[in-house]
Amino acid sequence: MGHVRRLGLTAVLAAVAVATSGHLGSPDTWFQGTAGPYPVRVVVRLPGVVPGLGQIDIAVTGQGVTRVTAQPIIFDAGTEGAPPPDVAQPVPGRPGSYHAELWFMTPGSFSVNVEVTGAAGSGTAIVPVAAVAERQIALYPWLGKLLAVLGVFLFVGAVTIFRAAASDGVAPPGESPARSGRVAAAVGAGILGVALWGGWTWWQAVAREYRDELYRPFAAAARVDTAEGRRVLAFTITDSVWSSRRARNRWERFSVSPLVPDHGKLMHLFMMKRDDGSGFGHLHPVSRDSLTFTADLGALSPGRYDVYADVVHETGFPQTMVAAVDVPAVGSGDGLQPTDPDDAIFAGLPTGDRFVLPDGASIAWERRPDSLVANQDAGLVFVVREADGRPATLLPYLGMAGHAVVQRDDGQVYIHLHPNGTISMVAQAALGGRQVTDTVPGMLARRLAADPAAHPAHPVFDGRLEFPYAFPQPGSYRIWVQVRREGVIATASFAAVVH
């Protein structure tokens, strides 16, 4: 029955033309880090359908590499329940580059374990990915017409065989065919019609099942409460799946597990002013209950804002929830400072490839490509310099050298980037640290929170930042880059047109 269901789902993928989006237009996963002694960059391009074939591109730095493998491991199966690793093949003409294709047969929270073996030994990089069905693929019009013609041909041929078997097939040589052939043809046509109706009914049932499995982020709503001159954002998860903790399909079972702090925060919430993007907020709301999170808006300028809230579940499954809110003008009170010391409020527009900070320091987009093309490396390399031109010394901001946020001006593309890519650090820890004894929701989350290794001390960083990423679609984009220097969070704004 499992094989039948998979065949049915695969057939549906090629038959229905409805498109949805669950990752706000940024479906690919980028990772930059190490696999043991080897620096690696991994790009996982999921097909957007399940079952589906993912494309894995791996760039390895180092001499004497003899073998590179990739293995998809779902969160609650472990390596024992995973398929054997696939050997990545070298890419001709690109030294150090490898390519593999991996099947994702069921939706869920996966890690793609990339193992590199060579003269320096072996090492593994864990790349978290959320494999979900986001769309249904349309049947090519020419293929639909061809299949219709072949279907009619086969139906007529089968009815003809019924007629011939009951007439020509039983008549003695030299005698006229029996009249029963017409009856047999009519009965055969009826049987085939019932069979076709049954097949169509089954097809529709499988199609409905697949549509029910399509990913959608949790529904959410945002509002601003004003009191005593303060403006407090209340972000509420309104989705019934979260409030009831009851999964209705296969992927939702990964989204009803508890939330875990990523970079020490349960939620990273970003606000971008609609139309011109002149207002920007990076906030970390406090959980008032299991549904509502609140944060002081500080000096955020008034206007209509797009709101994106990033959370990660204990299963390593990330979600971005979307809302919109009108921010009123600040009152007469003194509540102008955000309540979380890691919150950052920014007002300003892009000024080119170099953004000057209030104290004269600058953040520059280094070696910006002359032309940005969708689905090609965006070259997001930034250099922070002091007012006298010296490279700046950066302190850790939420455990990283810096953060970047990318949004297309229509709000349909959004991503929160780190120097290690698009992945969540806590998702990587959860997928790599789950044990067979973690059978009760919350056990892994508590262990991650208590593990000192999950919160390592970070040194200072130099002023160069690289964010691995490719713009997924053409359009006009806004990019905000954030660093901490001299104890102050600095934000710079850039604009880009992608072809």
Protein backbone atom coordinates (compact mmCIF):
# COMPACT_ATOMS: atom_id res chain seq x y z
CA MET A 1 0.00 0.00 0.00
CA GLY A 2 2.93 2.35 0.68
CA HIS A 3 4.22 1.85 -2.86
CA VAL A 4 0.75 2.45 -4.28
CA ARG A 5 0.42 5.71 -2.36
CA ARG A 6 3.84 6.87 -3.52
CA LEU A 7 2.97 6.08 -7.12
CA GLY A 8 -0.29 7.94 -6.73
CA LEU A 9 1.41 10.99 -5.27
CA THR A 10 4.04 10.98 -7.99
CA ALA A 11 1.31 10.85 -10.61
CA VAL A 12 -0.49 13.77 -9.03
CA LEU A 13 2.69 15.83 -9.11
CA ALA A 14 2.60 15.70 -12.89
CA ALA A 15 -1.09 16.39 -13.22
CA VAL A 16 -2.33 19.42 -11.30
CA ALA A 17 -1.38 23.09 -11.74
CA VAL A 18 -1.72 24.89 -8.42
CA ALA A 19 1.20 26.80 -6.94
CA THR A 20 1.75 27.81 -3.33
CA SER A 21 4.71 29.11 -1.38
CA GLY A 22 5.68 28.29 2.16
CA HIS A 23 9.18 29.77 2.36
CA LEU A 24 8.39 33.22 1.02
CA GLY A 25 10.25 32.63 -2.20
CA SER A 26 13.55 31.44 -0.66
CA PRO A 27 13.28 27.65 -0.86
CA ASP A 28 17.00 26.81 -1.18
CA THR A 29 19.17 26.06 1.85
CA TRP A 30 22.68 27.55 1.98
CA PHE A 31 25.33 26.40 4.43
CA GLN A 32 28.90 27.59 4.90
CA GLY A 33 31.01 25.92 7.54
CA THR A 34 33.25 22.92 8.05
CA ALA A 35 33.08 19.17 7.72
CA GLY A 36 35.80 18.24 10.16
CA PRO A 37 39.04 19.73 8.82
CA TYR A 38 37.49 20.72 5.48
CA PRO A 39 35.78 24.07 4.80
CA VAL A 40 32.63 23.40 2.81
CA ARG A 41 29.80 25.29 1.17
CA VAL A 42 26.60 23.31 0.61
CA VAL A 43 23.52 24.33 -1.35
CA VAL A 44 20.42 22.12 -1.04
CA ARG A 45 17.82 22.80 -3.71
CA LEU A 46 14.60 21.07 -2.77
CA PRO A 47 12.06 20.38 -5.53
CA GLY A 48 9.09 21.88 -3.67
CA VAL A 49 7.18 18.61 -4.06
CA VAL A 50 7.22 15.43 -1.99
CA PRO A 51 8.17 12.83 -3.12
CA GLY A 52 10.84 14.78 -4.96
CA LEU A 53 14.47 14.76 -6.01
CA GLY A 54 16.70 17.32 -4.29
CA GLN A 55 19.86 18.72 -5.87
CA ILE A 56 22.90 18.95 -3.58
CA ASP A 57 25.90 21.08 -4.61
CA ILE A 58 29.00 20.82 -2.42
CA ALA A 59 32.18 22.89 -2.67
CA VAL A 60 35.11 21.55 -0.62
CA THR A 61 38.31 23.44 0.15
CA GLY A 62 41.33 21.26 0.87
CA GLN A 63 43.79 18.92 -0.75
CA GLY A 64 43.60 15.15 -1.03
CA VAL A 65 39.79 14.81 -0.90
CA THR A 66 38.94 11.27 -1.96
CA ARG A 67 35.24 10.90 -1.23
CA VAL A 68 32.23 13.11 -0.58
CA THR A 69 28.84 11.68 0.39
CA ALA A 70 25.43 13.10 1.21
CA GLN A 71 22.72 11.39 3.28
CA PRO A 72 19.18 12.62 4.12
CA ILE A 73 18.17 11.79 7.71
CA ILE A 74 14.70 12.61 9.02
CA PHE A 75 14.56 13.89 12.59
CA ASP A 76 12.79 10.97 14.29
CA ALA A 77 14.39 8.10 12.35
CA GLY A 78 18.11 8.64 12.91
CA THR A 79 20.87 7.10 10.84
CA GLU A 80 19.47 3.60 11.44
CA GLY A 81 16.27 4.50 9.61
CA ALA A 82 17.93 6.50 6.83
CA PRO A 83 18.92 5.34 3.35
CA PRO A 84 22.63 4.75 2.73
CA PRO A 85 24.70 7.80 1.80
CA ASP A 86 24.91 8.74 -1.86
CA VAL A 87 28.38 9.36 -3.28
CA ALA A 88 28.64 12.90 -4.66
CA GLN A 89 30.25 13.05 -8.08
CA PRO A 90 32.95 15.59 -9.03
CA VAL A 91 31.70 18.38 -11.29
CA PRO A 92 33.74 18.49 -14.52
CA GLY A 93 35.74 21.68 -14.92
CA ARG A 94 35.15 22.81 -11.33
CA PRO A 95 37.85 21.49 -8.98
CA GLY A 96 36.58 20.93 -5.45
CA SER A 97 32.92 20.90 -6.55
CA TYR A 98 30.67 17.87 -6.15
CA HIS A 99 27.04 17.13 -6.96
CA ALA A 100 24.54 14.61 -5.62
CA GLU A 101 20.83 13.96 -6.00
CA LEU A 102 18.78 12.79 -3.01
CA TRP A 103 15.18 11.58 -2.88
CA PHE A 104 12.95 13.03 -0.17
CA MET A 105 10.06 10.56 0.02
CA THR A 106 8.16 12.03 2.95
CA PRO A 107 7.73 15.58 4.30
CA GLY A 108 9.48 16.56 7.50
CA SER A 109 12.52 17.99 9.23
CA PHE A 110 15.69 16.52 7.74
CA SER A 111 19.40 16.90 8.05
CA VAL A 112 21.54 16.41 4.98
CA ASN A 113 24.73 14.95 6.41
CA VAL A 114 27.68 15.76 4.16
CA GLU A 115 30.75 13.63 4.91
CA VAL A 116 34.14 14.49 3.44
CA THR A 117 37.02 12.01 3.48
CA GLY A 118 40.57 12.77 2.45
CA ALA A 119 44.21 13.02 3.44
CA ALA A 120 43.35 15.06 6.55
CA GLY A 121 40.85 12.48 7.77
CA SER A 122 37.08 12.70 7.63
CA GLY A 123 34.42 15.03 8.91
CA THR A 124 30.68 15.61 8.69
CA ALA A 125 28.63 18.75 8.22
CA ILE A 126 24.98 18.74 9.30
CA VAL A 127 22.76 20.86 7.07
CA PRO A 128 19.16 21.24 8.36
CA VAL A 129 16.45 21.31 5.69
CA ALA A 130 12.66 21.32 5.87
CA ALA A 131 11.36 19.10 3.08
CA VAL A 132 7.71 20.00 2.48
CA ALA A 133 5.35 20.01 -0.47
CA GLU A 134 4.80 23.63 -1.48
CA ARG A 135 3.22 23.22 -4.88
CA GLN A 136 1.68 20.88 -7.40
CA ILE A 137 3.24 20.56 -10.82
CA ALA A 138 1.14 21.10 -13.92
CA LEU A 139 0.83 18.51 -16.66
CA TYR A 140 2.33 19.73 -19.91
CA PRO A 141 -0.57 20.63 -22.28
CA TRP A 142 0.90 18.62 -25.15
CA LEU A 143 1.31 15.61 -22.87
CA GLY A 144 -2.31 15.89 -21.70
CA LYS A 145 -3.55 15.89 -25.28
CA LEU A 146 -1.33 12.94 -26.17
CA LEU A 147 -2.55 10.94 -23.18
CA ALA A 148 -6.19 11.76 -24.07
CA VAL A 149 -5.71 10.49 -27.64
CA LEU A 150 -3.98 7.35 -26.39
CA GLY A 151 -6.76 6.80 -23.85
CA VAL A 152 -9.48 6.99 -26.50
CA PHE A 153 -7.47 4.65 -28.75
CA LEU A 154 -7.04 2.09 -25.97
CA PHE A 155 -10.72 2.31 -24.95
CA VAL A 156 -11.93 1.74 -28.52
CA GLY A 157 -9.40 -1.02 -28.97
CA ALA A 158 -10.50 -2.79 -25.80
CA VAL A 159 -14.19 -2.59 -26.80
CA THR A 160 -13.28 -3.99 -30.21
CA ILE A 161 -11.50 -6.90 -28.56
CA PHE A 162 -14.60 -7.62 -26.44
CA ARG A 163 -16.78 -7.62 -29.58
CA ALA A 164 -14.39 -9.80 -31.57
CA ALA A 165 -13.93 -12.30 -28.74
CA ALA A 166 -17.73 -12.84 -28.51
CA SER A 167 -18.35 -12.99 -32.25
CA ASP A 168 -15.46 -13.68 -34.60
CA GLY A 169 -13.57 -15.59 -31.92
CA VAL A 170 -16.32 -18.22 -31.39
CA ALA A 171 -17.76 -18.50 -34.94
CA PRO A 172 -16.71 -21.63 -36.89
CA PRO A 173 -14.63 -20.98 -40.00
CA GLY A 174 -16.77 -19.84 -42.92
CA GLU A 175 -19.80 -18.86 -40.81
CA SER A 176 -21.05 -15.36 -40.06
CA PRO A 177 -20.02 -13.86 -36.70
CA ALA A 178 -22.47 -14.29 -33.83
CA ARG A 179 -24.71 -11.33 -32.96
CA SER A 180 -23.59 -11.64 -29.34
CA GLY A 181 -20.56 -9.52 -30.23
CA ARG A 182 -22.61 -6.32 -29.92
CA VAL A 183 -23.84 -7.34 -26.50
CA ALA A 184 -20.29 -8.21 -25.42
CA ALA A 185 -19.03 -4.86 -26.72
CA ALA A 186 -21.71 -3.00 -24.77
CA VAL A 187 -21.01 -4.97 -21.58
CA GLY A 188 -17.27 -4.50 -22.02
CA ALA A 189 -17.72 -0.77 -22.54
CA GLY A 190 -19.76 -0.62 -19.33
CA ILE A 191 -17.09 -2.51 -17.37
CA LEU A 192 -14.35 -0.24 -18.71
CA GLY A 193 -16.47 2.80 -17.87
CA VAL A 194 -16.89 1.66 -14.27
CA ALA A 195 -13.15 0.96 -14.06
CA LEU A 196 -12.36 4.42 -15.43
CA TRP A 197 -14.79 6.03 -12.98
CA GLY A 198 -13.14 4.12 -10.12
CA GLY A 199 -9.70 5.20 -11.29
CA TRP A 200 -10.81 8.82 -11.58
CA THR A 201 -12.31 8.68 -8.08
CA TRP A 202 -9.09 7.24 -6.67
CA TRP A 203 -7.08 9.87 -8.54
CA GLN A 204 -9.17 12.67 -7.07
CA ALA A 205 -8.80 11.22 -3.56
CA VAL A 206 -5.02 11.10 -3.92
CA ALA A 207 -5.03 14.65 -5.29
CA ARG A 208 -7.03 15.86 -2.28
CA GLU A 209 -4.68 14.05 0.07
CA TYR A 210 -1.72 15.72 -1.58
CA ARG A 211 -3.34 19.15 -1.44
CA ASP A 212 -3.99 18.61 2.27
CA GLU A 213 -0.26 17.93 2.68
CA LEU A 214 0.82 21.23 1.13
CA TYR A 215 2.83 23.30 3.55
CA ARG A 216 1.49 26.55 4.91
CA PRO A 217 3.07 28.55 7.72
CA PHE A 218 1.11 29.08 10.90
CA ALA A 219 -1.56 31.77 10.68
CA ALA A 220 -0.71 34.78 12.84
CA ALA A 221 -1.87 38.30 13.60
CA ALA A 222 -0.17 41.43 14.90
CA ARG A 223 -1.45 44.53 16.64
CA VAL A 224 0.03 47.51 18.45
CA ASP A 225 -1.20 48.36 21.94
CA THR A 226 -0.64 51.92 23.14
CA ALA A 227 -0.55 52.94 26.75
CA GLU A 228 1.32 55.63 28.68
CA GLY A 229 3.10 56.74 25.54
CA ARG A 230 4.48 53.29 24.83
CA ARG A 231 3.73 51.16 21.78
CA VAL A 232 3.83 47.44 22.39
CA LEU A 233 3.60 44.97 19.55
CA ALA A 234 1.53 41.88 20.31
CA PHE A 235 2.20 39.04 17.85
CA THR A 236 -0.23 36.13 18.23
CA ILE A 237 -0.08 32.68 16.66
CA THR A 238 -3.73 32.15 15.73
CA ASP A 239 -3.38 28.80 14.00
CA SER A 240 -5.54 26.01 15.43
CA VAL A 241 -2.80 23.44 14.86
CA TRP A 242 -0.56 25.28 17.32
CA SER A 243 -3.28 26.03 19.88
CA SER A 244 -4.54 22.42 19.89
CA ARG A 245 -1.12 20.77 19.36
CA ARG A 246 -2.84 18.31 17.01
CA ALA A 247 -1.22 17.56 13.68
CA ARG A 248 -3.58 16.92 10.78
CA ASN A 249 -1.05 15.60 8.30
CA ARG A 250 2.48 14.26 8.08
CA TRP A 251 4.49 17.47 8.08
CA GLU A 252 2.49 19.11 10.86
CA ARG A 253 3.70 16.54 13.36
CA PHE A 254 7.04 18.35 13.22
CA SER A 255 5.43 21.73 13.91
CA VAL A 256 3.50 20.88 17.08
CA SER A 257 6.65 20.25 19.13
CA PRO A 258 7.85 22.96 21.57
CA LEU A 259 9.75 26.01 20.39
CA VAL A 260 13.46 26.20 21.16
CA PRO A 261 15.60 29.36 21.47
CA ASP A 262 17.73 30.15 18.43
CA HIS A 263 20.65 32.45 19.29
CA GLY A 264 19.09 32.63 22.75
CA LYS A 265 15.70 33.95 21.57
CA LEU A 266 12.42 32.07 21.13
CA MET A 267 11.40 34.39 18.31
CA HIS A 268 13.25 36.68 15.91
CA LEU A 269 10.79 39.22 14.57
CA PHE A 270 11.51 41.60 11.70
CA MET A 271 9.45 44.60 10.68
CA MET A 272 9.92 46.36 7.33
CA LYS A 273 8.08 49.54 6.45
CA ARG A 274 5.93 48.97 3.41
CA ASP A 275 6.40 50.99 0.21
CA ASP A 276 9.80 52.60 0.83
CA GLY A 277 11.43 50.36 3.46
CA SER A 278 12.61 53.40 5.41
CA GLY A 279 11.73 51.77 8.75
CA PHE A 280 13.21 48.51 10.00
CA GLY A 281 13.03 46.64 13.29
CA HIS A 282 14.78 43.50 14.52
CA LEU A 283 12.97 42.52 17.72
CA HIS A 284 12.89 39.59 20.12
CA PRO A 285 9.42 39.40 21.64
CA VAL A 286 8.84 37.86 25.05
CA SER A 287 6.42 34.95 25.30
CA ARG A 288 3.45 36.00 27.41
CA ASP A 289 1.77 32.63 26.93
CA SER A 290 2.03 29.85 24.38
CA LEU A 291 0.30 31.98 21.73
CA THR A 292 1.21 35.65 22.20
CA PHE A 293 4.60 37.36 22.09
CA THR A 294 5.13 41.02 22.92
CA ALA A 295 7.86 43.58 22.30
CA ASP A 296 8.24 47.31 22.82
CA LEU A 297 8.57 49.11 19.47
CA GLY A 298 10.85 51.77 20.84
CA ALA A 299 11.45 54.58 18.35
CA LEU A 300 10.21 52.70 15.29
CA SER A 301 8.81 55.25 12.83
CA PRO A 302 5.04 55.16 12.21
CA GLY A 303 3.55 53.54 9.13
CA ARG A 304 2.35 50.27 7.63
CA TYR A 305 4.75 47.37 8.27
CA ASP A 306 5.26 43.85 7.01
CA VAL A 307 5.99 41.52 9.94
CA TYR A 308 8.00 38.29 9.71
CA ALA A 309 8.44 36.08 12.79
CA ASP A 310 11.03 33.28 12.74
CA VAL A 311 10.73 30.34 15.17
CA VAL A 312 12.29 26.89 15.37
CA HIS A 313 10.65 23.77 16.79
CA GLU A 314 12.35 21.12 18.87
CA THR A 315 12.29 18.85 15.81
CA GLY A 316 14.56 21.29 13.99
CA PHE A 317 11.62 22.42 11.85
CA PRO A 318 11.77 26.20 11.18
CA GLN A 319 8.83 28.42 10.41
CA THR A 320 8.34 31.99 9.30
CA MET A 321 4.96 33.50 10.15
CA VAL A 322 3.74 36.60 8.33
CA ALA A 323 1.45 39.44 9.34
CA ALA A 324 0.99 43.16 8.74
CA VAL A 325 0.43 45.96 11.21
CA ASP A 326 -0.09 49.72 11.36
CA VAL A 327 2.32 51.42 13.76
CA PRO A 328 1.00 54.70 15.16
CA ALA A 329 3.13 57.71 15.98
CA VAL A 330 4.92 57.59 19.31
CA GLY A 331 3.14 59.17 22.26
CA SER A 332 4.41 61.68 24.77
CA GLY A 333 5.93 59.09 27.09
CA ASP A 334 9.56 58.08 27.27
CA GLY A 335 9.17 54.51 26.02
CA LEU A 336 11.56 55.01 23.11
CA GLN A 337 14.05 52.30 23.95
CA PRO A 338 13.45 48.64 23.04
CA THR A 339 13.04 46.37 26.03
CA ASP A 340 15.52 43.71 24.82
CA PRO A 341 19.18 44.83 24.63
CA ASP A 342 19.55 42.87 21.38
CA ASP A 343 16.64 44.67 19.71
CA ALA A 344 17.53 47.13 16.97
CA ILE A 345 15.47 49.93 15.42
CA PHE A 346 16.59 51.62 12.21
CA ALA A 347 15.35 54.46 10.01
CA GLY A 348 16.91 55.32 6.68
CA LEU A 349 17.13 54.58 2.98
CA PRO A 350 19.91 52.97 0.91
CA THR A 351 22.68 55.35 -0.14
CA GLY A 352 24.55 53.16 -2.62
CA ASP A 353 27.23 50.52 -2.15
CA ARG A 354 28.58 52.24 0.98
CA PHE A 355 26.44 53.14 3.96
CA VAL A 356 27.88 55.65 6.42
CA LEU A 357 26.98 55.16 10.07
CA PRO A 358 26.23 58.08 12.42
CA ASP A 359 29.77 58.12 13.89
CA GLY A 360 31.50 58.13 10.49
CA ALA A 361 32.19 54.39 10.27
CA SER A 362 30.85 52.62 7.21
CA ILE A 363 29.55 49.32 5.92
CA ALA A 364 30.37 48.73 2.24
CA TRP A 365 29.16 46.08 -0.20
CA GLU A 366 32.55 44.85 -1.39
CA ARG A 367 33.03 43.86 -5.05
CA ARG A 368 29.33 44.08 -5.72
CA PRO A 369 28.51 42.21 -8.96
CA ASP A 370 27.84 44.46 -11.94
CA SER A 371 24.66 42.48 -12.63
CA LEU A 372 22.72 40.39 -10.15
CA VAL A 373 21.03 37.35 -11.65
CA ALA A 374 18.40 35.19 -9.96
CA ASN A 375 19.61 31.79 -8.73
CA GLN A 376 23.27 32.80 -9.00
CA ASP A 377 25.56 33.53 -6.05
CA ALA A 378 24.63 37.04 -4.96
CA GLY A 379 28.12 37.97 -3.76
CA LEU A 380 26.90 39.38 -0.44
CA VAL A 381 30.29 40.39 0.97
CA PHE A 382 30.39 43.42 3.26
CA VAL A 383 33.28 45.22 4.96
CA VAL A 384 32.90 47.33 8.10
CA ARG A 385 35.46 50.12 8.45
CA GLU A 386 36.09 52.77 11.06
CA ALA A 387 35.91 56.43 10.14
CA ASP A 388 39.68 56.48 9.43
CA GLY A 389 39.42 53.52 7.05
CA ARG A 390 40.71 50.83 9.41
CA PRO A 391 38.84 47.49 9.41
CA ALA A 392 36.45 47.51 12.35
CA THR A 393 36.51 45.04 15.21
CA LEU A 394 33.11 43.43 15.65
CA LEU A 395 31.63 41.96 18.78
CA PRO A 396 29.27 39.01 18.59
CA TYR A 397 25.70 39.96 17.79
CA LEU A 398 23.43 37.10 18.87
CA GLY A 399 26.43 34.80 18.67
CA MET A 400 27.34 35.71 15.10
CA ALA A 401 29.65 38.18 13.39
CA GLY A 402 26.61 39.77 11.80
CA HIS A 403 23.13 39.30 10.41
CA ALA A 404 21.49 40.22 7.12
CA VAL A 405 17.84 40.41 6.13
CA VAL A 406 16.68 40.29 2.51
CA GLN A 407 13.21 41.31 1.35
CA ARG A 408 11.78 41.85 -2.11
CA ASP A 409 9.83 45.10 -2.29
CA ASP A 410 6.50 43.26 -2.74
CA GLY A 411 7.11 41.25 0.45
CA GLN A 412 6.94 37.88 -1.32
CA VAL A 413 10.62 37.05 -0.77
CA TYR A 414 12.17 37.20 2.70
CA ILE A 415 15.13 35.53 4.35
CA HIS A 416 17.22 36.02 7.49
CA LEU A 417 20.90 35.29 6.76
CA HIS A 418 23.96 34.52 8.83
CA PRO A 419 27.60 34.07 7.77
CA ASN A 420 26.96 30.31 7.94
CA GLY A 421 24.04 30.60 5.53
CA THR A 422 20.28 30.32 5.81
CA ILE A 423 20.28 27.53 8.38
CA SER A 424 19.21 27.75 12.00
CA MET A 425 21.96 26.98 14.51
CA VAL A 426 19.57 25.41 17.01
CA ALA A 427 18.02 23.27 14.25
CA GLN A 428 21.49 22.00 13.46
CA ALA A 429 22.05 21.21 17.14
CA ALA A 430 18.67 19.47 17.46
CA LEU A 431 19.13 17.31 14.38
CA GLY A 432 22.66 16.39 15.37
CA GLY A 433 21.95 15.88 19.07
CA ARG A 434 18.71 13.92 19.17
CA GLN A 435 18.95 10.65 21.10
CA VAL A 436 16.75 7.58 20.98
CA THR A 437 15.59 8.38 24.51
CA ASP A 438 14.14 11.74 23.41
CA THR A 439 10.63 10.37 23.13
CA VAL A 440 8.72 12.96 25.17
CA PRO A 441 8.21 16.47 23.74
CA GLY A 442 10.45 18.93 25.55
CA MET A 443 13.21 16.50 26.55
CA LEU A 444 15.57 17.53 23.76
CA ALA A 445 14.70 21.21 24.19
CA ARG A 446 15.63 21.12 27.87
CA ARG A 447 18.90 19.34 27.16
CA LEU A 448 19.83 21.83 24.45
CA ALA A 449 19.12 24.73 26.78
CA ALA A 450 21.25 23.19 29.54
CA ASP A 451 24.18 22.17 27.28
CA PRO A 452 27.07 24.65 27.66
CA ALA A 453 28.34 23.61 24.23
CA ALA A 454 25.15 25.00 22.73
CA HIS A 455 26.19 28.49 23.92
CA PRO A 456 29.92 28.72 23.19
CA ALA A 457 31.95 31.79 23.91
CA HIS A 458 32.67 33.76 20.73
CA PRO A 459 35.80 35.79 20.02
CA VAL A 460 35.76 39.19 18.38
CA PHE A 461 35.47 39.25 14.60
CA ASP A 462 37.20 41.25 11.91
CA GLY A 463 35.18 43.62 9.79
CA ARG A 464 34.54 41.33 6.81
CA LEU A 465 31.19 39.54 6.46
CA GLU A 466 30.08 37.08 3.81
CA PHE A 467 26.51 35.81 3.55
CA PRO A 468 26.10 32.85 1.17
CA TYR A 469 22.86 33.30 -0.77
CA ALA A 470 21.27 33.55 -4.21
CA PHE A 471 18.25 35.72 -4.93
CA PRO A 472 15.51 33.25 -5.91
CA GLN A 473 13.50 35.53 -8.21
CA PRO A 474 14.00 38.71 -10.24
CA GLY A 475 12.83 41.98 -8.75
CA SER A 476 13.81 44.92 -6.55
CA TYR A 477 15.25 43.95 -3.18
CA ARG A 478 16.18 45.60 0.09
CA ILE A 479 19.05 44.32 2.23
CA TRP A 480 19.73 45.25 5.84
CA VAL A 481 23.11 44.32 7.37
CA GLN A 482 23.54 44.37 11.16
CA VAL A 483 26.69 44.18 13.28
CA ARG A 484 27.70 45.07 16.84
CA ARG A 485 30.66 47.37 17.21
CA GLU A 486 31.77 49.13 20.38
CA GLY A 487 28.76 47.60 22.11
CA VAL A 488 26.27 49.27 19.76
CA ILE A 489 24.15 47.50 17.14
CA ALA A 490 24.69 49.16 13.76
CA THR A 491 22.35 48.70 10.79
CA ALA A 492 23.05 49.54 7.14
CA SER A 493 20.57 49.51 4.25
CA PHE A 494 21.24 48.52 0.63
CA ALA A 495 19.12 48.18 -2.51
CA ALA A 496 19.51 45.70 -5.36
CA VAL A 497 17.83 44.97 -8.66
CA VAL A 498 17.93 41.31 -9.67
CA HIS A 499 17.45 40.18 -13.25
